[in-house]
Amino acid sequence: MRLTIFNGSPRGKSSNTKLLMDQFTNGFCESAVSEVETVYLNRTKELPEQVDLFKKTEHVILAFPLYTDAMPGLVKAFIEELEPFCGRSGNPSIGFVVQSGFPEPNHSRFVERYLEKLSRRLGCRYQGTVVRGGVEGIRIQPNWMTRKLFKNFYELGKKYNEEKGFDREVMRKLAPREQLSKGRLLFFRLLNKAGKGNFYWDMQLKQNKAYEKRFDKPYQSTD
């Protein structure tokens, strides 16, 4: 079984997408009868070679983050290059992994519908779209906070190799609730009242020396 994973995160090897897909790959490779390759779409100069790999592989997973409800531009560029393969005999099966910082999976459901339509247009067997929210902070979280998440992605990879597709039960575990529970909503409201609701993002802004510019409106019309 030959699987190619296309990582569509602009962060590439430093991405949360990689952390998740590394666990998936570990599970997938538990079987000795397997071949998996990971391709990083942020290496934009290698786009022709990346498209060629799509043509040659048996199974494809395209994994990427959502930024403000939109897929990264480099993912769009890759998808556009696949147009010549629409309806081609022998196209690989295709599945998707969509992760975001939004805790609620329902933020990703519209792009999920698009990805299913994309699969039909390409003529690829659609394996489904794995949706996972609340991912942005996993790079700084302690092991006990990510243990369950990583275990589920490991199981997802193992099952993929066994079943040649995503396991629906594991997919449900990764997105058990479409919207925040009342308890979590109350927690976030209290966090905001305490002035800590944007703690992580404020930290990111300070690290990139942009904190003082956080309320700038560079595209606001002055007319």
N, C-alpha and C. Protein backbone atom coordinates (compact mmCIF):
# COMPACT_ATOMS: atom_id res chain seq x y z
N MET A 1 0.85 -1.19 0.00
CA MET A 1 0.00 0.00 0.00
C MET A 1 0.88 1.24 0.00
N ARG A 2 0.69 2.09 -0.97
CA ARG A 2 1.51 3.29 -1.08
C ARG A 2 0.68 4.53 -0.78
N LEU A 3 1.08 5.25 0.26
CA LEU A 3 0.36 6.45 0.71
C LEU A 3 1.28 7.66 0.63
N THR A 4 0.76 8.75 0.10
CA THR A 4 1.48 10.02 0.09
C THR A 4 0.68 11.04 0.87
N ILE A 5 1.32 11.64 1.88
CA ILE A 5 0.70 12.68 2.69
C ILE A 5 1.23 14.03 2.23
N PHE A 6 0.34 14.91 1.83
CA PHE A 6 0.71 16.26 1.45
C PHE A 6 0.37 17.18 2.62
N ASN A 7 1.42 17.74 3.24
CA ASN A 7 1.25 18.65 4.36
C ASN A 7 1.13 20.07 3.80
N GLY A 8 -0.06 20.66 3.95
CA GLY A 8 -0.32 21.97 3.37
C GLY A 8 -0.16 23.13 4.32
N SER A 9 0.56 22.93 5.42
CA SER A 9 0.76 24.04 6.36
C SER A 9 1.91 24.93 5.90
N PRO A 10 1.74 26.26 5.92
CA PRO A 10 2.85 27.17 5.61
C PRO A 10 4.04 26.99 6.56
N ARG A 11 3.80 26.44 7.75
CA ARG A 11 4.88 26.22 8.71
C ARG A 11 5.71 24.97 8.38
N GLY A 12 5.22 24.14 7.49
CA GLY A 12 5.98 22.97 7.07
C GLY A 12 6.33 22.04 8.21
N LYS A 13 7.62 21.79 8.38
CA LYS A 13 8.09 20.85 9.40
C LYS A 13 7.97 21.39 10.82
N SER A 14 7.59 22.65 10.96
CA SER A 14 7.39 23.23 12.30
C SER A 14 5.90 23.34 12.64
N SER A 15 5.07 22.66 11.89
CA SER A 15 3.62 22.86 11.98
C SER A 15 2.93 21.91 12.95
N ASN A 16 1.76 22.34 13.41
CA ASN A 16 0.90 21.46 14.19
C ASN A 16 0.40 20.31 13.32
N THR A 17 0.21 20.58 12.04
CA THR A 17 -0.21 19.54 11.11
C THR A 17 0.80 18.39 11.10
N LYS A 18 2.09 18.74 11.13
CA LYS A 18 3.12 17.70 11.17
C LYS A 18 3.04 16.89 12.46
N LEU A 19 2.82 17.55 13.59
CA LEU A 19 2.72 16.83 14.86
C LEU A 19 1.61 15.79 14.80
N LEU A 20 0.47 16.17 14.24
CA LEU A 20 -0.65 15.23 14.14
C LEU A 20 -0.34 14.10 13.16
N MET A 21 0.19 14.47 11.99
CA MET A 21 0.43 13.47 10.96
C MET A 21 1.60 12.56 11.28
N ASP A 22 2.53 13.01 12.12
CA ASP A 22 3.59 12.12 12.60
C ASP A 22 2.99 10.97 13.40
N GLN A 23 2.00 11.28 14.23
CA GLN A 23 1.33 10.23 15.00
C GLN A 23 0.56 9.29 14.07
N PHE A 24 -0.10 9.87 13.09
CA PHE A 24 -0.81 9.07 12.09
C PHE A 24 0.16 8.12 11.38
N THR A 25 1.30 8.65 10.97
CA THR A 25 2.30 7.86 10.25
C THR A 25 2.84 6.73 11.12
N ASN A 26 3.06 7.02 12.40
CA ASN A 26 3.54 5.98 13.32
C ASN A 26 2.56 4.81 13.38
N GLY A 27 1.27 5.14 13.44
CA GLY A 27 0.26 4.10 13.46
C GLY A 27 0.18 3.37 12.14
N PHE A 28 0.26 4.11 11.05
CA PHE A 28 0.19 3.53 9.72
C PHE A 28 1.34 2.55 9.49
N CYS A 29 2.52 2.91 9.97
CA CYS A 29 3.71 2.09 9.73
C CYS A 29 3.86 0.94 10.71
N GLU A 30 2.87 0.76 11.59
CA GLU A 30 2.93 -0.38 12.50
C GLU A 30 2.92 -1.68 11.71
N SER A 31 2.26 -1.64 10.55
CA SER A 31 2.28 -2.81 9.65
C SER A 31 3.52 -2.73 8.78
N ALA A 32 4.20 -3.86 8.63
CA ALA A 32 5.42 -3.89 7.82
C ALA A 32 5.11 -3.69 6.33
N VAL A 33 3.88 -4.03 5.94
CA VAL A 33 3.51 -3.93 4.53
C VAL A 33 2.92 -2.54 4.28
N SER A 34 3.78 -1.56 4.19
CA SER A 34 3.31 -0.20 4.01
C SER A 34 4.43 0.68 3.46
N GLU A 35 4.04 1.70 2.73
CA GLU A 35 4.98 2.68 2.19
C GLU A 35 4.32 4.04 2.26
N VAL A 36 4.94 4.94 3.00
CA VAL A 36 4.36 6.27 3.17
C VAL A 36 5.43 7.34 2.94
N GLU A 37 5.03 8.40 2.29
CA GLU A 37 5.92 9.53 2.02
C GLU A 37 5.19 10.81 2.38
N THR A 38 5.87 11.72 3.05
CA THR A 38 5.29 13.03 3.39
C THR A 38 5.92 14.11 2.55
N VAL A 39 5.08 14.94 1.96
CA VAL A 39 5.52 16.02 1.08
C VAL A 39 5.05 17.34 1.69
N TYR A 40 5.93 18.33 1.73
CA TYR A 40 5.60 19.62 2.34
C TYR A 40 5.33 20.65 1.24
N LEU A 41 4.08 21.10 1.16
CA LEU A 41 3.69 22.00 0.08
C LEU A 41 4.28 23.41 0.24
N ASN A 42 4.85 23.72 1.41
CA ASN A 42 5.48 25.04 1.55
C ASN A 42 6.79 25.12 0.76
N ARG A 43 7.24 23.99 0.25
CA ARG A 43 8.38 24.01 -0.68
C ARG A 43 7.81 24.26 -2.08
N THR A 44 7.38 25.48 -2.29
CA THR A 44 6.61 25.82 -3.49
C THR A 44 7.38 25.63 -4.79
N LYS A 45 8.71 25.69 -4.74
CA LYS A 45 9.50 25.49 -5.95
C LYS A 45 9.44 24.04 -6.44
N GLU A 46 8.99 23.14 -5.56
CA GLU A 46 8.91 21.72 -5.92
C GLU A 46 7.51 21.33 -6.38
N LEU A 47 6.67 22.31 -6.69
CA LEU A 47 5.28 22.03 -7.05
C LEU A 47 5.14 21.04 -8.21
N PRO A 48 5.91 21.15 -9.30
CA PRO A 48 5.77 20.16 -10.38
C PRO A 48 6.04 18.73 -9.90
N GLU A 49 7.07 18.55 -9.06
CA GLU A 49 7.39 17.22 -8.53
C GLU A 49 6.28 16.72 -7.60
N GLN A 50 5.68 17.65 -6.84
CA GLN A 50 4.60 17.28 -5.93
C GLN A 50 3.38 16.79 -6.70
N VAL A 51 3.07 17.48 -7.79
CA VAL A 51 1.94 17.08 -8.64
C VAL A 51 2.22 15.72 -9.27
N ASP A 52 3.46 15.49 -9.66
CA ASP A 52 3.84 14.20 -10.26
C ASP A 52 3.65 13.06 -9.27
N LEU A 53 3.95 13.32 -8.00
CA LEU A 53 3.76 12.30 -6.96
C LEU A 53 2.28 11.96 -6.80
N PHE A 54 1.43 12.96 -6.90
CA PHE A 54 -0.01 12.71 -6.82
C PHE A 54 -0.43 11.72 -7.91
N LYS A 55 0.14 11.89 -9.07
CA LYS A 55 -0.22 11.05 -10.21
C LYS A 55 0.21 9.60 -10.00
N LYS A 56 1.31 9.38 -9.28
CA LYS A 56 1.91 8.05 -9.19
C LYS A 56 1.49 7.23 -7.98
N THR A 57 0.95 7.87 -6.96
CA THR A 57 0.67 7.15 -5.72
C THR A 57 -0.68 6.45 -5.76
N GLU A 58 -0.93 5.59 -4.77
CA GLU A 58 -2.21 4.86 -4.68
C GLU A 58 -3.23 5.58 -3.81
N HIS A 59 -2.74 6.17 -2.73
CA HIS A 59 -3.62 6.84 -1.77
C HIS A 59 -3.01 8.19 -1.40
N VAL A 60 -3.86 9.19 -1.25
CA VAL A 60 -3.41 10.54 -0.92
C VAL A 60 -4.17 11.04 0.30
N ILE A 61 -3.45 11.69 1.20
CA ILE A 61 -4.07 12.47 2.28
C ILE A 61 -3.53 13.89 2.17
N LEU A 62 -4.42 14.84 2.06
CA LEU A 62 -4.05 16.25 2.03
C LEU A 62 -4.44 16.83 3.39
N ALA A 63 -3.44 17.23 4.17
CA ALA A 63 -3.67 17.72 5.52
C ALA A 63 -3.25 19.19 5.60
N PHE A 64 -4.10 20.01 6.21
CA PHE A 64 -3.77 21.44 6.28
C PHE A 64 -4.57 22.13 7.39
N PRO A 65 -4.11 23.31 7.81
CA PRO A 65 -4.85 24.09 8.82
C PRO A 65 -5.82 25.05 8.14
N LEU A 66 -6.77 25.53 8.92
CA LEU A 66 -7.62 26.64 8.48
C LEU A 66 -7.14 27.90 9.17
N TYR A 67 -7.02 28.95 8.39
CA TYR A 67 -6.70 30.27 8.94
C TYR A 67 -7.89 31.17 8.69
N THR A 68 -8.60 31.54 9.79
CA THR A 68 -9.81 32.36 9.68
C THR A 68 -10.77 31.75 8.66
N ASP A 69 -11.02 30.48 8.83
CA ASP A 69 -11.99 29.71 8.02
C ASP A 69 -11.53 29.43 6.60
N ALA A 70 -10.31 29.78 6.21
CA ALA A 70 -9.85 29.57 4.83
C ALA A 70 -8.62 28.68 4.81
N MET A 71 -8.51 27.87 3.74
CA MET A 71 -7.32 27.05 3.58
C MET A 71 -6.15 27.93 3.13
N PRO A 72 -4.90 27.54 3.40
CA PRO A 72 -3.74 28.32 2.98
C PRO A 72 -3.67 28.44 1.46
N GLY A 73 -3.10 29.54 0.99
CA GLY A 73 -2.97 29.77 -0.45
C GLY A 73 -2.16 28.69 -1.15
N LEU A 74 -1.15 28.13 -0.48
CA LEU A 74 -0.33 27.11 -1.13
C LEU A 74 -1.12 25.82 -1.36
N VAL A 75 -2.13 25.57 -0.52
CA VAL A 75 -3.01 24.42 -0.75
C VAL A 75 -3.88 24.67 -1.97
N LYS A 76 -4.40 25.89 -2.09
CA LYS A 76 -5.21 26.25 -3.26
C LYS A 76 -4.39 26.11 -4.54
N ALA A 77 -3.13 26.56 -4.48
CA ALA A 77 -2.26 26.48 -5.66
C ALA A 77 -2.03 25.03 -6.06
N PHE A 78 -1.84 24.16 -5.08
CA PHE A 78 -1.64 22.73 -5.36
C PHE A 78 -2.89 22.13 -6.00
N ILE A 79 -4.04 22.44 -5.44
CA ILE A 79 -5.30 21.91 -5.96
C ILE A 79 -5.53 22.34 -7.40
N GLU A 80 -5.22 23.59 -7.71
CA GLU A 80 -5.40 24.09 -9.07
C GLU A 80 -4.53 23.34 -10.08
N GLU A 81 -3.36 22.90 -9.64
CA GLU A 81 -2.47 22.16 -10.54
C GLU A 81 -2.97 20.74 -10.82
N LEU A 82 -3.97 20.29 -10.06
CA LEU A 82 -4.51 18.94 -10.26
C LEU A 82 -5.60 18.89 -11.34
N GLU A 83 -5.94 20.04 -11.90
CA GLU A 83 -7.03 20.08 -12.88
C GLU A 83 -6.85 19.11 -14.05
N PRO A 84 -5.62 18.94 -14.58
CA PRO A 84 -5.46 17.99 -15.70
C PRO A 84 -5.84 16.55 -15.35
N PHE A 85 -5.92 16.22 -14.06
CA PHE A 85 -6.23 14.85 -13.65
C PHE A 85 -7.72 14.60 -13.49
N CYS A 86 -8.56 15.61 -13.69
CA CYS A 86 -10.00 15.45 -13.52
C CYS A 86 -10.52 14.33 -14.42
N GLY A 87 -11.10 13.32 -13.80
CA GLY A 87 -11.67 12.22 -14.57
C GLY A 87 -10.67 11.23 -15.11
N ARG A 88 -9.39 11.36 -14.76
CA ARG A 88 -8.36 10.45 -15.27
C ARG A 88 -8.52 9.07 -14.65
N SER A 89 -8.40 8.06 -15.44
CA SER A 89 -8.44 6.69 -14.93
C SER A 89 -7.19 6.41 -14.11
N GLY A 90 -7.36 5.80 -12.96
CA GLY A 90 -6.21 5.45 -12.13
C GLY A 90 -5.82 6.49 -11.11
N ASN A 91 -6.67 7.51 -10.90
CA ASN A 91 -6.37 8.49 -9.87
C ASN A 91 -6.35 7.84 -8.49
N PRO A 92 -5.54 8.36 -7.56
CA PRO A 92 -5.50 7.78 -6.21
C PRO A 92 -6.78 8.05 -5.45
N SER A 93 -7.03 7.28 -4.42
CA SER A 93 -8.09 7.66 -3.47
C SER A 93 -7.58 8.88 -2.71
N ILE A 94 -8.50 9.65 -2.16
CA ILE A 94 -8.07 10.88 -1.49
C ILE A 94 -8.89 11.12 -0.22
N GLY A 95 -8.19 11.50 0.83
CA GLY A 95 -8.82 11.88 2.09
C GLY A 95 -8.17 13.16 2.58
N PHE A 96 -8.80 13.80 3.54
CA PHE A 96 -8.33 15.10 4.01
C PHE A 96 -8.31 15.15 5.53
N VAL A 97 -7.35 15.90 6.05
CA VAL A 97 -7.29 16.20 7.48
C VAL A 97 -7.28 17.72 7.61
N VAL A 98 -8.30 18.26 8.26
CA VAL A 98 -8.43 19.71 8.42
C VAL A 98 -8.38 20.03 9.91
N GLN A 99 -7.38 20.79 10.32
CA GLN A 99 -7.27 21.17 11.72
C GLN A 99 -7.28 22.69 11.83
N SER A 100 -7.69 23.17 12.99
CA SER A 100 -7.74 24.62 13.20
C SER A 100 -7.59 24.93 14.67
N GLY A 101 -7.40 26.20 14.96
CA GLY A 101 -7.34 26.64 16.35
C GLY A 101 -8.72 26.80 16.95
N PHE A 102 -9.74 26.93 16.11
CA PHE A 102 -11.10 27.03 16.62
C PHE A 102 -11.47 25.76 17.38
N PRO A 103 -12.00 25.86 18.58
CA PRO A 103 -12.33 24.65 19.33
C PRO A 103 -13.53 23.90 18.77
N GLU A 104 -14.38 24.58 18.00
CA GLU A 104 -15.60 23.96 17.50
C GLU A 104 -15.40 23.40 16.09
N PRO A 105 -15.62 22.10 15.88
CA PRO A 105 -15.46 21.50 14.55
C PRO A 105 -16.37 22.10 13.48
N ASN A 106 -17.52 22.67 13.88
CA ASN A 106 -18.44 23.17 12.85
C ASN A 106 -17.85 24.29 12.01
N HIS A 107 -16.75 24.90 12.46
CA HIS A 107 -16.07 25.91 11.64
C HIS A 107 -15.51 25.30 10.35
N SER A 108 -15.27 24.00 10.38
CA SER A 108 -14.61 23.34 9.24
C SER A 108 -15.57 22.62 8.31
N ARG A 109 -16.84 22.62 8.61
CA ARG A 109 -17.78 21.80 7.85
C ARG A 109 -18.02 22.32 6.43
N PHE A 110 -17.90 23.62 6.22
CA PHE A 110 -18.10 24.13 4.86
C PHE A 110 -16.95 23.74 3.94
N VAL A 111 -15.73 23.79 4.46
CA VAL A 111 -14.60 23.36 3.64
C VAL A 111 -14.65 21.84 3.43
N GLU A 112 -15.22 21.12 4.39
CA GLU A 112 -15.41 19.68 4.22
C GLU A 112 -16.31 19.40 3.02
N ARG A 113 -17.38 20.15 2.87
CA ARG A 113 -18.29 19.98 1.73
C ARG A 113 -17.57 20.27 0.42
N TYR A 114 -16.72 21.30 0.43
CA TYR A 114 -15.95 21.61 -0.78
C TYR A 114 -15.00 20.47 -1.14
N LEU A 115 -14.35 19.90 -0.14
CA LEU A 115 -13.37 18.84 -0.39
C LEU A 115 -14.03 17.58 -0.94
N GLU A 116 -15.22 17.29 -0.47
CA GLU A 116 -15.95 16.14 -1.03
C GLU A 116 -16.28 16.40 -2.50
N LYS A 117 -16.70 17.63 -2.81
CA LYS A 117 -16.99 17.98 -4.21
C LYS A 117 -15.73 17.93 -5.05
N LEU A 118 -14.59 18.38 -4.49
CA LEU A 118 -13.31 18.32 -5.20
C LEU A 118 -12.97 16.88 -5.57
N SER A 119 -13.19 15.96 -4.64
CA SER A 119 -12.91 14.54 -4.90
C SER A 119 -13.71 14.03 -6.09
N ARG A 120 -14.99 14.41 -6.15
CA ARG A 120 -15.84 13.98 -7.27
C ARG A 120 -15.35 14.56 -8.58
N ARG A 121 -14.95 15.81 -8.56
CA ARG A 121 -14.46 16.46 -9.79
C ARG A 121 -13.18 15.80 -10.30
N LEU A 122 -12.34 15.41 -9.38
CA LEU A 122 -11.09 14.74 -9.77
C LEU A 122 -11.35 13.30 -10.22
N GLY A 123 -12.45 12.74 -9.74
CA GLY A 123 -12.71 11.33 -10.02
C GLY A 123 -11.97 10.41 -9.08
N CYS A 124 -11.64 10.92 -7.89
CA CYS A 124 -10.94 10.14 -6.87
C CYS A 124 -11.94 9.54 -5.89
N ARG A 125 -11.65 8.35 -5.41
CA ARG A 125 -12.51 7.77 -4.37
C ARG A 125 -12.31 8.57 -3.08
N TYR A 126 -13.39 9.11 -2.55
CA TYR A 126 -13.34 10.00 -1.39
C TYR A 126 -13.29 9.19 -0.10
N GLN A 127 -12.24 9.42 0.69
CA GLN A 127 -12.06 8.69 1.94
C GLN A 127 -12.66 9.41 3.14
N GLY A 128 -13.11 10.64 2.94
CA GLY A 128 -13.66 11.41 4.03
C GLY A 128 -12.73 12.52 4.47
N THR A 129 -13.23 13.38 5.35
CA THR A 129 -12.45 14.50 5.88
C THR A 129 -12.43 14.41 7.40
N VAL A 130 -11.24 14.27 7.95
CA VAL A 130 -11.05 14.27 9.40
C VAL A 130 -10.98 15.72 9.86
N VAL A 131 -11.84 16.08 10.78
CA VAL A 131 -11.90 17.45 11.29
C VAL A 131 -11.48 17.46 12.76
N ARG A 132 -10.57 18.34 13.09
CA ARG A 132 -10.14 18.47 14.48
C ARG A 132 -9.93 19.94 14.82
N GLY A 133 -10.63 20.42 15.83
CA GLY A 133 -10.46 21.79 16.30
C GLY A 133 -9.56 21.86 17.52
N GLY A 134 -9.26 23.09 17.94
CA GLY A 134 -8.48 23.31 19.15
C GLY A 134 -7.05 22.83 19.08
N VAL A 135 -6.43 22.94 17.90
CA VAL A 135 -5.10 22.36 17.70
C VAL A 135 -3.97 23.36 17.92
N GLU A 136 -4.21 24.64 17.73
CA GLU A 136 -3.12 25.61 17.69
C GLU A 136 -2.17 25.53 18.89
N GLY A 137 -2.69 25.26 20.08
CA GLY A 137 -1.83 25.29 21.26
C GLY A 137 -1.06 24.03 21.55
N ILE A 138 -1.18 22.98 20.71
CA ILE A 138 -0.57 21.70 21.09
C ILE A 138 0.95 21.75 21.11
N ARG A 139 1.54 22.72 20.44
CA ARG A 139 3.01 22.80 20.42
C ARG A 139 3.58 23.15 21.79
N ILE A 140 2.76 23.82 22.62
CA ILE A 140 3.27 24.25 23.92
C ILE A 140 2.59 23.52 25.07
N GLN A 141 1.69 22.60 24.76
CA GLN A 141 0.97 21.88 25.81
C GLN A 141 1.82 20.73 26.35
N PRO A 142 1.68 20.43 27.65
CA PRO A 142 2.41 19.29 28.22
C PRO A 142 1.85 17.97 27.67
N ASN A 143 2.61 16.92 27.84
CA ASN A 143 2.24 15.62 27.26
C ASN A 143 0.87 15.12 27.71
N TRP A 144 0.51 15.37 28.98
CA TRP A 144 -0.76 14.84 29.47
C TRP A 144 -1.95 15.47 28.76
N MET A 145 -1.76 16.68 28.21
CA MET A 145 -2.85 17.36 27.52
C MET A 145 -3.02 16.89 26.08
N THR A 146 -1.96 16.36 25.49
CA THR A 146 -2.03 15.92 24.09
C THR A 146 -2.07 14.40 23.94
N ARG A 147 -1.96 13.68 25.05
CA ARG A 147 -1.85 12.22 24.99
C ARG A 147 -3.05 11.59 24.27
N LYS A 148 -4.26 12.00 24.60
CA LYS A 148 -5.45 11.41 23.99
C LYS A 148 -5.54 11.76 22.51
N LEU A 149 -5.24 13.02 22.19
CA LEU A 149 -5.28 13.47 20.80
C LEU A 149 -4.30 12.67 19.94
N PHE A 150 -3.06 12.55 20.42
CA PHE A 150 -2.04 11.82 19.66
C PHE A 150 -2.39 10.33 19.55
N LYS A 151 -2.96 9.78 20.61
CA LYS A 151 -3.36 8.36 20.57
C LYS A 151 -4.42 8.14 19.49
N ASN A 152 -5.37 9.08 19.38
CA ASN A 152 -6.42 8.95 18.36
C ASN A 152 -5.85 9.05 16.95
N PHE A 153 -4.87 9.93 16.74
CA PHE A 153 -4.27 10.03 15.41
C PHE A 153 -3.43 8.79 15.10
N TYR A 154 -2.78 8.24 16.12
CA TYR A 154 -2.05 6.98 15.93
C TYR A 154 -3.02 5.88 15.50
N GLU A 155 -4.15 5.79 16.19
CA GLU A 155 -5.16 4.79 15.87
C GLU A 155 -5.75 5.03 14.48
N LEU A 156 -5.91 6.29 14.12
CA LEU A 156 -6.43 6.64 12.79
C LEU A 156 -5.50 6.11 11.70
N GLY A 157 -4.19 6.26 11.91
CA GLY A 157 -3.21 5.76 10.94
C GLY A 157 -3.18 4.25 10.86
N LYS A 158 -3.25 3.62 12.02
CA LYS A 158 -3.25 2.15 12.07
C LYS A 158 -4.46 1.58 11.34
N LYS A 159 -5.62 2.15 11.62
CA LYS A 159 -6.86 1.70 10.98
C LYS A 159 -6.85 1.98 9.48
N TYR A 160 -6.25 3.10 9.10
CA TYR A 160 -6.19 3.45 7.67
C TYR A 160 -5.46 2.36 6.89
N ASN A 161 -4.37 1.88 7.45
CA ASN A 161 -3.60 0.82 6.78
C ASN A 161 -4.40 -0.47 6.72
N GLU A 162 -5.11 -0.78 7.79
CA GLU A 162 -5.88 -2.02 7.84
C GLU A 162 -7.10 -1.98 6.92
N GLU A 163 -7.77 -0.81 6.90
CA GLU A 163 -9.04 -0.70 6.19
C GLU A 163 -8.93 0.04 4.86
N LYS A 164 -7.72 0.55 4.56
CA LYS A 164 -7.48 1.36 3.36
C LYS A 164 -8.43 2.55 3.30
N GLY A 165 -8.58 3.19 4.44
CA GLY A 165 -9.42 4.38 4.52
C GLY A 165 -9.57 4.81 5.97
N PHE A 166 -10.17 5.98 6.18
CA PHE A 166 -10.37 6.50 7.53
C PHE A 166 -11.43 5.69 8.27
N ASP A 167 -11.16 5.43 9.53
CA ASP A 167 -12.12 4.73 10.38
C ASP A 167 -13.12 5.75 10.93
N ARG A 168 -14.40 5.53 10.69
CA ARG A 168 -15.43 6.50 11.06
C ARG A 168 -15.54 6.70 12.56
N GLU A 169 -15.32 5.65 13.33
CA GLU A 169 -15.42 5.77 14.78
C GLU A 169 -14.30 6.66 15.33
N VAL A 170 -13.09 6.50 14.82
CA VAL A 170 -11.98 7.36 15.26
C VAL A 170 -12.24 8.80 14.82
N MET A 171 -12.79 8.99 13.65
CA MET A 171 -13.13 10.34 13.19
C MET A 171 -14.11 11.01 14.15
N ARG A 172 -15.08 10.25 14.64
CA ARG A 172 -16.05 10.80 15.59
C ARG A 172 -15.38 11.16 16.92
N LYS A 173 -14.40 10.35 17.33
CA LYS A 173 -13.67 10.66 18.57
C LYS A 173 -12.91 11.98 18.45
N LEU A 174 -12.42 12.27 17.25
CA LEU A 174 -11.65 13.49 17.05
C LEU A 174 -12.53 14.74 16.97
N ALA A 175 -13.80 14.55 16.68
CA ALA A 175 -14.74 15.67 16.64
C ALA A 175 -16.04 15.25 17.33
N PRO A 176 -15.98 15.05 18.65
CA PRO A 176 -17.14 14.49 19.35
C PRO A 176 -18.31 15.46 19.51
N ARG A 177 -18.04 16.74 19.46
CA ARG A 177 -19.08 17.74 19.69
C ARG A 177 -18.90 18.89 18.70
N GLU A 178 -19.97 19.25 17.99
CA GLU A 178 -19.86 20.28 16.96
C GLU A 178 -19.70 21.68 17.54
N GLN A 179 -20.31 21.91 18.69
CA GLN A 179 -20.24 23.23 19.32
C GLN A 179 -19.79 23.10 20.76
N LEU A 180 -19.35 24.20 21.32
CA LEU A 180 -18.88 24.18 22.70
C LEU A 180 -20.02 23.86 23.65
N SER A 181 -19.70 23.10 24.69
CA SER A 181 -20.69 22.82 25.73
C SER A 181 -20.92 24.10 26.55
N LYS A 182 -22.01 24.11 27.30
CA LYS A 182 -22.31 25.28 28.14
C LYS A 182 -21.20 25.51 29.17
N GLY A 183 -20.65 24.43 29.66
CA GLY A 183 -19.56 24.54 30.63
C GLY A 183 -18.33 25.22 30.05
N ARG A 184 -17.96 24.83 28.83
CA ARG A 184 -16.78 25.43 28.19
C ARG A 184 -17.05 26.87 27.80
N LEU A 185 -18.28 27.16 27.38
CA LEU A 185 -18.63 28.54 27.06
C LEU A 185 -18.50 29.43 28.30
N LEU A 186 -18.96 28.92 29.43
CA LEU A 186 -18.84 29.67 30.68
C LEU A 186 -17.38 29.88 31.04
N PHE A 187 -16.56 28.84 30.85
CA PHE A 187 -15.12 28.94 31.14
C PHE A 187 -14.47 30.04 30.30
N PHE A 188 -14.78 30.07 28.99
CA PHE A 188 -14.18 31.08 28.12
C PHE A 188 -14.67 32.49 28.46
N ARG A 189 -15.92 32.60 28.88
CA ARG A 189 -16.44 33.91 29.28
C ARG A 189 -15.71 34.42 30.52
N LEU A 190 -15.50 33.54 31.47
CA LEU A 190 -14.77 33.92 32.69
C LEU A 190 -13.32 34.28 32.35
N LEU A 191 -12.73 33.52 31.41
CA LEU A 191 -11.36 33.79 31.00
C LEU A 191 -11.25 35.17 30.37
N ASN A 192 -12.24 35.52 29.54
CA ASN A 192 -12.24 36.84 28.90
C ASN A 192 -12.42 37.96 29.92
N LYS A 193 -13.29 37.73 30.89
CA LYS A 193 -13.51 38.75 31.92
C LYS A 193 -12.24 38.99 32.74
N ALA A 194 -11.45 37.92 32.88
CA ALA A 194 -10.20 38.03 33.64
C ALA A 194 -9.08 38.62 32.79
N GLY A 195 -9.37 38.91 31.51
CA GLY A 195 -8.35 39.48 30.62
C GLY A 195 -7.35 38.47 30.10
N LYS A 196 -7.69 37.16 30.18
CA LYS A 196 -6.76 36.11 29.76
C LYS A 196 -7.23 35.36 28.51
N GLY A 197 -8.32 35.83 27.91
CA GLY A 197 -8.88 35.12 26.77
C GLY A 197 -7.97 35.07 25.56
N ASN A 198 -7.11 36.08 25.42
CA ASN A 198 -6.21 36.14 24.26
C ASN A 198 -4.77 35.90 24.66
N PHE A 199 -4.57 35.18 25.77
CA PHE A 199 -3.22 34.97 26.29
C PHE A 199 -2.27 34.40 25.24
N TYR A 200 -2.71 33.32 24.58
CA TYR A 200 -1.82 32.65 23.62
C TYR A 200 -1.49 33.57 22.45
N TRP A 201 -2.53 34.24 21.90
CA TRP A 201 -2.30 35.10 20.74
C TRP A 201 -1.48 36.33 21.10
N ASP A 202 -1.70 36.87 22.30
CA ASP A 202 -0.87 37.99 22.75
C ASP A 202 0.59 37.57 22.85
N MET A 203 0.82 36.35 23.32
CA MET A 203 2.18 35.84 23.42
C MET A 203 2.82 35.74 22.03
N GLN A 204 2.04 35.26 21.04
CA GLN A 204 2.54 35.16 19.68
C GLN A 204 2.87 36.54 19.11
N LEU A 205 2.00 37.50 19.35
CA LEU A 205 2.23 38.87 18.87
C LEU A 205 3.50 39.46 19.47
N LYS A 206 3.71 39.24 20.76
CA LYS A 206 4.90 39.77 21.43
C LYS A 206 6.17 39.12 20.88
N GLN A 207 6.11 37.82 20.64
CA GLN A 207 7.28 37.13 20.10
C GLN A 207 7.65 37.66 18.72
N ASN A 208 6.64 38.09 17.97
CA ASN A 208 6.88 38.62 16.62
C ASN A 208 6.94 40.14 16.57
N LYS A 209 7.04 40.76 17.77
CA LYS A 209 7.18 42.22 17.89
C LYS A 209 6.04 42.96 17.18
N ALA A 210 4.84 42.42 17.33
CA ALA A 210 3.67 43.04 16.69
C ALA A 210 2.57 43.37 17.69
N TYR A 211 2.85 43.21 18.98
CA TYR A 211 1.80 43.41 19.98
C TYR A 211 1.24 44.82 19.96
N GLU A 212 2.09 45.82 19.80
CA GLU A 212 1.63 47.23 19.81
C GLU A 212 0.81 47.57 18.58
N LYS A 213 0.87 46.71 17.57
CA LYS A 213 0.14 46.97 16.32
C LYS A 213 -1.14 46.14 16.21
N ARG A 214 -1.56 45.51 17.31
CA ARG A 214 -2.65 44.55 17.23
C ARG A 214 -4.00 45.16 16.86
N PHE A 215 -4.15 46.47 17.03
CA PHE A 215 -5.42 47.10 16.67
C PHE A 215 -5.30 47.92 15.38
N ASP A 216 -4.18 47.78 14.67
CA ASP A 216 -4.00 48.51 13.40
C ASP A 216 -5.04 48.06 12.37
N LYS A 217 -5.40 48.99 11.49
CA LYS A 217 -6.38 48.70 10.42
C LYS A 217 -5.78 49.17 9.10
N PRO A 218 -4.78 48.44 8.58
CA PRO A 218 -4.05 48.91 7.38
C PRO A 218 -4.90 49.01 6.12
N TYR A 219 -6.03 48.30 6.06
CA TYR A 219 -6.85 48.34 4.86
C TYR A 219 -8.09 49.22 5.01
N GLN A 220 -8.18 49.90 6.13
CA GLN A 220 -9.34 50.78 6.33
C GLN A 220 -9.24 52.00 5.42
N SER A 221 -10.34 52.31 4.74
CA SER A 221 -10.36 53.46 3.83
C SER A 221 -10.29 54.75 4.61
N THR A 222 -9.53 55.70 4.09
CA THR A 222 -9.42 57.01 4.71
C THR A 222 -10.27 58.05 3.98
N ASP A 223 -11.02 57.61 2.97
CA ASP A 223 -11.86 58.55 2.21
C ASP A 223 -13.06 59.00 3.05
